[in-house]
Amino acid sequence: MPRVAPHMTANARLLRNAATAEERALWSRLCHLRPRFTRQLSIGSYIVDFACRSIKLAVELDGSQHLDAAAYDDRRTLFLESVGWRVLRYWNSEVRDNPDGVAEAIMAAVAAHSRPTHPQPLPSREGL
C-alpha cells in the first residue's frame, strides 16, 4: 500500500481530535472489538470514520451535510469498493437514537466477513 500523504495524516488527526458526539458514542462501543477498528483511516484520497483493516470494512457516519453530497458519497463508495473495501453507512441520527443497535449491526457485519474459527478447536486448557 502506498505511503499516506502527510496532509492526509494531519487531516485524519484533526478529525480524530474533533470527533462528533455520535462518533465518540460509536467508538466507545467499537474500540474493544476484535478484529480491531481504527478511527479516521486514510484510504487513497479519502478518510473513513471507522475501519477494520483486517477484513477491509469501512463504517461511515453521515450527518445532514451528506444530504447534498450524494454524488460525492457515491464516488467515494465506488472508489473504496474498487480497492476491496466494504462500506457501511449510518446516519448520525441512527447512532444518536440507538448506538447499541448500530454497534450490533457492525459486529454482525464483522462476523459475516471474518474467517471462521477452526472446525474442531482444542478444548480449553488441554494438556495442563
N, C-alpha and C. Protein backbone atom coordinates (compact mmCIF):
# COMPACT_ATOMS: atom_id res chain seq x y z
N MET A 1 0.85 -1.17 0.00
CA MET A 1 0.00 0.00 0.00
C MET A 1 0.90 1.24 0.00
N PRO A 2 0.59 2.23 -0.84
CA PRO A 2 1.46 3.40 -0.90
C PRO A 2 1.44 4.20 0.40
N ARG A 3 2.48 4.92 0.61
CA ARG A 3 2.62 5.75 1.80
C ARG A 3 1.53 6.83 1.83
N VAL A 4 1.01 7.13 3.01
CA VAL A 4 -0.04 8.13 3.17
C VAL A 4 0.59 9.52 3.11
N ALA A 5 -0.03 10.40 2.34
CA ALA A 5 0.48 11.77 2.21
C ALA A 5 0.42 12.48 3.57
N PRO A 6 1.42 13.28 3.88
CA PRO A 6 1.45 13.96 5.18
C PRO A 6 0.20 14.80 5.45
N HIS A 7 -0.35 15.45 4.42
CA HIS A 7 -1.55 16.27 4.66
C HIS A 7 -2.75 15.40 5.00
N MET A 8 -2.80 14.16 4.48
CA MET A 8 -3.89 13.26 4.83
C MET A 8 -3.77 12.80 6.28
N THR A 9 -2.56 12.53 6.72
CA THR A 9 -2.33 12.14 8.10
C THR A 9 -2.73 13.28 9.04
N ALA A 10 -2.37 14.51 8.68
CA ALA A 10 -2.72 15.67 9.50
C ALA A 10 -4.24 15.86 9.53
N ASN A 11 -4.91 15.69 8.38
CA ASN A 11 -6.37 15.82 8.35
C ASN A 11 -7.04 14.75 9.19
N ALA A 12 -6.55 13.52 9.11
CA ALA A 12 -7.12 12.43 9.91
C ALA A 12 -6.94 12.72 11.40
N ARG A 13 -5.79 13.24 11.78
CA ARG A 13 -5.54 13.57 13.19
C ARG A 13 -6.50 14.67 13.65
N LEU A 14 -6.72 15.69 12.82
CA LEU A 14 -7.67 16.75 13.17
C LEU A 14 -9.08 16.18 13.35
N LEU A 15 -9.47 15.28 12.45
CA LEU A 15 -10.81 14.68 12.56
C LEU A 15 -10.94 13.83 13.81
N ARG A 16 -9.89 13.10 14.18
CA ARG A 16 -9.93 12.31 15.41
C ARG A 16 -10.07 13.20 16.63
N ASN A 17 -9.36 14.32 16.63
CA ASN A 17 -9.40 15.23 17.78
C ASN A 17 -10.69 16.03 17.86
N ALA A 18 -11.41 16.15 16.75
CA ALA A 18 -12.66 16.92 16.71
C ALA A 18 -13.85 15.99 16.44
N ALA A 19 -13.83 14.82 17.04
CA ALA A 19 -14.88 13.82 16.80
C ALA A 19 -16.24 14.35 17.24
N THR A 20 -17.27 13.98 16.48
CA THR A 20 -18.63 14.35 16.85
C THR A 20 -19.10 13.48 18.02
N ALA A 21 -20.19 13.89 18.63
CA ALA A 21 -20.74 13.10 19.75
C ALA A 21 -21.13 11.71 19.27
N GLU A 22 -21.64 11.61 18.05
CA GLU A 22 -22.04 10.31 17.51
C GLU A 22 -20.82 9.42 17.28
N GLU A 23 -19.73 10.01 16.77
CA GLU A 23 -18.50 9.23 16.57
C GLU A 23 -17.95 8.74 17.90
N ARG A 24 -17.97 9.60 18.90
CA ARG A 24 -17.49 9.18 20.23
C ARG A 24 -18.36 8.07 20.81
N ALA A 25 -19.68 8.19 20.64
CA ALA A 25 -20.59 7.17 21.18
C ALA A 25 -20.35 5.82 20.51
N LEU A 26 -20.18 5.84 19.19
CA LEU A 26 -19.95 4.58 18.48
C LEU A 26 -18.55 4.03 18.78
N TRP A 27 -17.55 4.90 18.86
CA TRP A 27 -16.20 4.45 19.14
C TRP A 27 -16.11 3.75 20.49
N SER A 28 -16.85 4.26 21.47
CA SER A 28 -16.80 3.63 22.79
C SER A 28 -17.33 2.20 22.75
N ARG A 29 -18.12 1.88 21.74
CA ARG A 29 -18.64 0.52 21.59
C ARG A 29 -17.79 -0.34 20.66
N LEU A 30 -17.01 0.28 19.77
CA LEU A 30 -16.21 -0.48 18.80
C LEU A 30 -14.76 -0.69 19.24
N CYS A 31 -14.27 0.15 20.12
CA CYS A 31 -12.83 0.13 20.41
C CYS A 31 -12.37 -1.17 21.08
N HIS A 32 -13.28 -1.93 21.65
CA HIS A 32 -12.91 -3.17 22.32
C HIS A 32 -13.10 -4.41 21.46
N LEU A 33 -13.61 -4.23 20.25
CA LEU A 33 -13.88 -5.37 19.38
C LEU A 33 -12.62 -5.97 18.80
N ARG A 34 -12.71 -7.23 18.46
CA ARG A 34 -11.67 -7.93 17.71
C ARG A 34 -12.36 -8.55 16.52
N PRO A 35 -11.86 -8.42 15.32
CA PRO A 35 -10.66 -7.70 14.95
C PRO A 35 -10.81 -6.20 15.23
N ARG A 36 -9.67 -5.56 15.38
CA ARG A 36 -9.61 -4.16 15.81
C ARG A 36 -10.15 -3.18 14.77
N PHE A 37 -10.73 -2.11 15.27
CA PHE A 37 -11.15 -0.98 14.46
C PHE A 37 -10.20 0.17 14.73
N THR A 38 -10.11 1.07 13.77
CA THR A 38 -9.36 2.29 13.92
C THR A 38 -10.24 3.45 13.50
N ARG A 39 -9.93 4.64 13.97
CA ARG A 39 -10.70 5.83 13.62
C ARG A 39 -9.96 6.65 12.58
N GLN A 40 -10.72 7.26 11.69
CA GLN A 40 -10.22 8.22 10.71
C GLN A 40 -9.01 7.68 9.95
N LEU A 41 -9.25 6.63 9.18
CA LEU A 41 -8.20 5.99 8.40
C LEU A 41 -8.17 6.56 6.99
N SER A 42 -6.97 6.92 6.53
CA SER A 42 -6.79 7.41 5.16
C SER A 42 -6.73 6.22 4.21
N ILE A 43 -7.59 6.26 3.19
CA ILE A 43 -7.58 5.25 2.14
C ILE A 43 -7.61 6.01 0.83
N GLY A 44 -6.51 5.97 0.11
CA GLY A 44 -6.43 6.78 -1.10
C GLY A 44 -6.52 8.25 -0.74
N SER A 45 -7.41 8.98 -1.39
CA SER A 45 -7.58 10.40 -1.09
C SER A 45 -8.77 10.64 -0.18
N TYR A 46 -9.24 9.60 0.48
CA TYR A 46 -10.40 9.71 1.37
C TYR A 46 -10.01 9.31 2.79
N ILE A 47 -10.81 9.79 3.74
CA ILE A 47 -10.65 9.41 5.14
C ILE A 47 -11.97 8.83 5.60
N VAL A 48 -11.95 7.58 6.06
CA VAL A 48 -13.18 6.94 6.54
C VAL A 48 -13.26 7.09 8.06
N ASP A 49 -14.49 7.15 8.57
CA ASP A 49 -14.70 7.39 10.00
C ASP A 49 -14.15 6.25 10.86
N PHE A 50 -14.51 5.02 10.52
CA PHE A 50 -14.03 3.85 11.26
C PHE A 50 -13.65 2.79 10.23
N ALA A 51 -12.62 2.01 10.55
CA ALA A 51 -12.20 0.97 9.62
C ALA A 51 -11.66 -0.23 10.37
N CYS A 52 -12.00 -1.40 9.85
CA CYS A 52 -11.42 -2.64 10.33
C CYS A 52 -10.52 -3.13 9.19
N ARG A 53 -9.23 -2.94 9.36
CA ARG A 53 -8.28 -3.23 8.28
C ARG A 53 -8.24 -4.70 7.91
N SER A 54 -8.33 -5.58 8.89
CA SER A 54 -8.13 -7.00 8.61
C SER A 54 -9.20 -7.58 7.70
N ILE A 55 -10.41 -7.03 7.73
CA ILE A 55 -11.46 -7.54 6.83
C ILE A 55 -11.91 -6.47 5.84
N LYS A 56 -11.19 -5.34 5.81
CA LYS A 56 -11.48 -4.23 4.90
C LYS A 56 -12.95 -3.79 4.99
N LEU A 57 -13.36 -3.42 6.20
CA LEU A 57 -14.70 -2.92 6.44
C LEU A 57 -14.61 -1.47 6.88
N ALA A 58 -15.25 -0.57 6.13
CA ALA A 58 -15.27 0.85 6.45
C ALA A 58 -16.67 1.22 6.94
N VAL A 59 -16.73 2.02 8.00
CA VAL A 59 -18.00 2.49 8.55
C VAL A 59 -18.01 4.01 8.45
N GLU A 60 -19.03 4.54 7.80
CA GLU A 60 -19.18 5.97 7.62
C GLU A 60 -20.41 6.46 8.37
N LEU A 61 -20.26 7.54 9.11
CA LEU A 61 -21.38 8.20 9.77
C LEU A 61 -21.70 9.46 8.98
N ASP A 62 -22.94 9.58 8.56
CA ASP A 62 -23.35 10.70 7.72
C ASP A 62 -24.27 11.63 8.48
N GLY A 63 -23.95 12.91 8.45
CA GLY A 63 -24.79 13.93 9.04
C GLY A 63 -25.56 14.66 7.96
N SER A 64 -26.18 15.75 8.33
CA SER A 64 -27.02 16.49 7.39
C SER A 64 -26.24 17.03 6.20
N GLN A 65 -24.93 17.25 6.34
CA GLN A 65 -24.13 17.75 5.22
C GLN A 65 -24.11 16.76 4.06
N HIS A 66 -24.42 15.51 4.33
CA HIS A 66 -24.39 14.48 3.28
C HIS A 66 -25.68 14.45 2.46
N LEU A 67 -26.70 15.20 2.87
CA LEU A 67 -27.94 15.24 2.08
C LEU A 67 -27.68 15.81 0.70
N ASP A 68 -26.79 16.79 0.61
CA ASP A 68 -26.48 17.44 -0.67
C ASP A 68 -25.24 16.86 -1.34
N ALA A 69 -24.65 15.84 -0.76
CA ALA A 69 -23.39 15.30 -1.27
C ALA A 69 -23.52 13.86 -1.74
N ALA A 70 -24.68 13.50 -2.25
CA ALA A 70 -24.91 12.11 -2.66
C ALA A 70 -23.95 11.68 -3.77
N ALA A 71 -23.69 12.54 -4.73
CA ALA A 71 -22.79 12.18 -5.83
C ALA A 71 -21.37 11.95 -5.31
N TYR A 72 -20.92 12.80 -4.40
CA TYR A 72 -19.59 12.65 -3.81
C TYR A 72 -19.52 11.35 -3.02
N ASP A 73 -20.54 11.08 -2.22
CA ASP A 73 -20.56 9.85 -1.42
C ASP A 73 -20.56 8.62 -2.32
N ASP A 74 -21.27 8.68 -3.44
CA ASP A 74 -21.30 7.55 -4.37
C ASP A 74 -19.91 7.33 -4.98
N ARG A 75 -19.23 8.40 -5.39
CA ARG A 75 -17.87 8.26 -5.94
C ARG A 75 -16.92 7.68 -4.90
N ARG A 76 -17.06 8.15 -3.67
CA ARG A 76 -16.23 7.68 -2.58
C ARG A 76 -16.45 6.19 -2.34
N THR A 77 -17.72 5.78 -2.29
CA THR A 77 -18.03 4.37 -2.08
C THR A 77 -17.52 3.51 -3.23
N LEU A 78 -17.70 3.97 -4.46
CA LEU A 78 -17.19 3.23 -5.62
C LEU A 78 -15.68 3.06 -5.55
N PHE A 79 -14.97 4.12 -5.17
CA PHE A 79 -13.52 4.01 -5.05
C PHE A 79 -13.15 2.99 -3.98
N LEU A 80 -13.75 3.10 -2.80
CA LEU A 80 -13.42 2.19 -1.71
C LEU A 80 -13.71 0.74 -2.08
N GLU A 81 -14.84 0.51 -2.74
CA GLU A 81 -15.17 -0.85 -3.18
C GLU A 81 -14.20 -1.33 -4.25
N SER A 82 -13.72 -0.43 -5.10
CA SER A 82 -12.79 -0.82 -6.16
C SER A 82 -11.44 -1.27 -5.61
N VAL A 83 -11.09 -0.81 -4.40
CA VAL A 83 -9.84 -1.25 -3.79
C VAL A 83 -10.08 -2.30 -2.71
N GLY A 84 -11.28 -2.90 -2.72
CA GLY A 84 -11.55 -4.07 -1.88
C GLY A 84 -12.22 -3.81 -0.54
N TRP A 85 -12.66 -2.60 -0.28
CA TRP A 85 -13.32 -2.29 0.99
C TRP A 85 -14.82 -2.43 0.86
N ARG A 86 -15.45 -2.87 1.93
CA ARG A 86 -16.91 -2.90 2.03
C ARG A 86 -17.30 -1.70 2.89
N VAL A 87 -18.32 -0.95 2.48
CA VAL A 87 -18.68 0.29 3.17
C VAL A 87 -20.06 0.15 3.80
N LEU A 88 -20.14 0.45 5.09
CA LEU A 88 -21.42 0.54 5.80
C LEU A 88 -21.65 2.00 6.13
N ARG A 89 -22.87 2.49 5.87
CA ARG A 89 -23.21 3.89 6.15
C ARG A 89 -24.36 3.96 7.13
N TYR A 90 -24.22 4.85 8.09
CA TYR A 90 -25.28 5.10 9.08
C TYR A 90 -25.45 6.60 9.23
N TRP A 91 -26.68 7.02 9.44
CA TRP A 91 -26.96 8.42 9.71
C TRP A 91 -26.60 8.71 11.16
N ASN A 92 -26.15 9.93 11.43
CA ASN A 92 -25.86 10.34 12.80
C ASN A 92 -27.08 10.15 13.70
N SER A 93 -28.27 10.41 13.16
CA SER A 93 -29.48 10.26 13.97
C SER A 93 -29.69 8.81 14.40
N GLU A 94 -29.29 7.84 13.55
CA GLU A 94 -29.38 6.44 13.94
C GLU A 94 -28.47 6.14 15.12
N VAL A 95 -27.26 6.66 15.07
CA VAL A 95 -26.30 6.43 16.15
C VAL A 95 -26.78 7.13 17.42
N ARG A 96 -27.29 8.34 17.27
CA ARG A 96 -27.77 9.11 18.42
C ARG A 96 -28.93 8.40 19.10
N ASP A 97 -29.87 7.86 18.30
CA ASP A 97 -31.07 7.22 18.84
C ASP A 97 -30.83 5.79 19.32
N ASN A 98 -29.90 5.07 18.67
CA ASN A 98 -29.71 3.67 19.00
C ASN A 98 -28.26 3.24 18.78
N PRO A 99 -27.33 3.75 19.59
CA PRO A 99 -25.92 3.41 19.36
C PRO A 99 -25.62 1.92 19.54
N ASP A 100 -26.31 1.27 20.47
CA ASP A 100 -26.07 -0.17 20.66
C ASP A 100 -26.54 -0.97 19.45
N GLY A 101 -27.65 -0.57 18.84
CA GLY A 101 -28.15 -1.27 17.66
C GLY A 101 -27.21 -1.12 16.48
N VAL A 102 -26.67 0.08 16.29
CA VAL A 102 -25.71 0.30 15.20
C VAL A 102 -24.45 -0.53 15.45
N ALA A 103 -23.97 -0.53 16.69
CA ALA A 103 -22.78 -1.33 17.01
C ALA A 103 -23.03 -2.81 16.77
N GLU A 104 -24.22 -3.30 17.12
CA GLU A 104 -24.55 -4.71 16.88
C GLU A 104 -24.59 -5.02 15.39
N ALA A 105 -25.12 -4.10 14.59
CA ALA A 105 -25.14 -4.31 13.13
C ALA A 105 -23.73 -4.37 12.58
N ILE A 106 -22.85 -3.53 13.09
CA ILE A 106 -21.45 -3.55 12.65
C ILE A 106 -20.79 -4.85 13.08
N MET A 107 -21.04 -5.28 14.31
CA MET A 107 -20.47 -6.55 14.78
C MET A 107 -20.96 -7.73 13.94
N ALA A 108 -22.23 -7.68 13.52
CA ALA A 108 -22.76 -8.75 12.66
C ALA A 108 -22.04 -8.75 11.31
N ALA A 109 -21.76 -7.56 10.77
CA ALA A 109 -21.02 -7.48 9.51
C ALA A 109 -19.60 -8.00 9.67
N VAL A 110 -18.99 -7.71 10.81
CA VAL A 110 -17.64 -8.22 11.09
C VAL A 110 -17.68 -9.75 11.14
N ALA A 111 -18.65 -10.29 11.86
CA ALA A 111 -18.76 -11.75 11.99
C ALA A 111 -19.00 -12.40 10.63
N ALA A 112 -19.80 -11.76 9.78
CA ALA A 112 -20.11 -12.32 8.46
C ALA A 112 -18.89 -12.33 7.54
N HIS A 113 -17.94 -11.43 7.76
CA HIS A 113 -16.78 -11.32 6.87
C HIS A 113 -15.48 -11.80 7.48
N SER A 114 -15.52 -12.26 8.71
CA SER A 114 -14.32 -12.78 9.35
C SER A 114 -14.11 -14.24 8.94
N ARG A 115 -12.87 -14.65 9.02
CA ARG A 115 -12.58 -16.05 8.73
C ARG A 115 -13.16 -16.91 9.84
N PRO A 116 -13.71 -18.05 9.50
CA PRO A 116 -14.27 -18.91 10.54
C PRO A 116 -13.17 -19.49 11.42
N THR A 117 -13.56 -19.84 12.61
CA THR A 117 -12.60 -20.49 13.50
C THR A 117 -12.40 -21.93 13.06
N HIS A 118 -11.46 -22.59 13.63
CA HIS A 118 -11.18 -23.98 13.31
C HIS A 118 -12.42 -24.82 13.60
N PRO A 119 -12.77 -25.77 12.73
CA PRO A 119 -13.99 -26.56 12.95
C PRO A 119 -13.96 -27.39 14.23
N GLN A 120 -12.76 -27.78 14.68
CA GLN A 120 -12.65 -28.55 15.91
C GLN A 120 -11.58 -27.91 16.80
N PRO A 121 -11.93 -26.81 17.48
CA PRO A 121 -10.92 -26.15 18.31
C PRO A 121 -10.51 -27.03 19.49
N LEU A 122 -9.32 -26.81 19.95
CA LEU A 122 -8.84 -27.57 21.09
C LEU A 122 -9.65 -27.22 22.34
N PRO A 123 -9.87 -28.23 23.20
CA PRO A 123 -10.56 -27.93 24.44
C PRO A 123 -9.74 -26.95 25.29
N SER A 124 -10.42 -26.16 26.07
CA SER A 124 -9.75 -25.18 26.90
C SER A 124 -8.78 -25.86 27.86
N ARG A 125 -7.58 -25.31 27.92
CA ARG A 125 -6.54 -25.76 28.87
C ARG A 125 -6.14 -27.23 28.65
N GLU A 126 -6.20 -27.70 27.45
CA GLU A 126 -5.81 -29.08 27.18
C GLU A 126 -4.34 -29.27 27.47
N GLY A 127 -4.03 -30.36 28.09
CA GLY A 127 -2.65 -30.71 28.36
C GLY A 127 -2.09 -30.16 29.65
N LEU A 128 -2.91 -29.48 30.42
CA LEU A 128 -2.40 -28.94 31.70
C LEU A 128 -2.69 -29.88 32.83
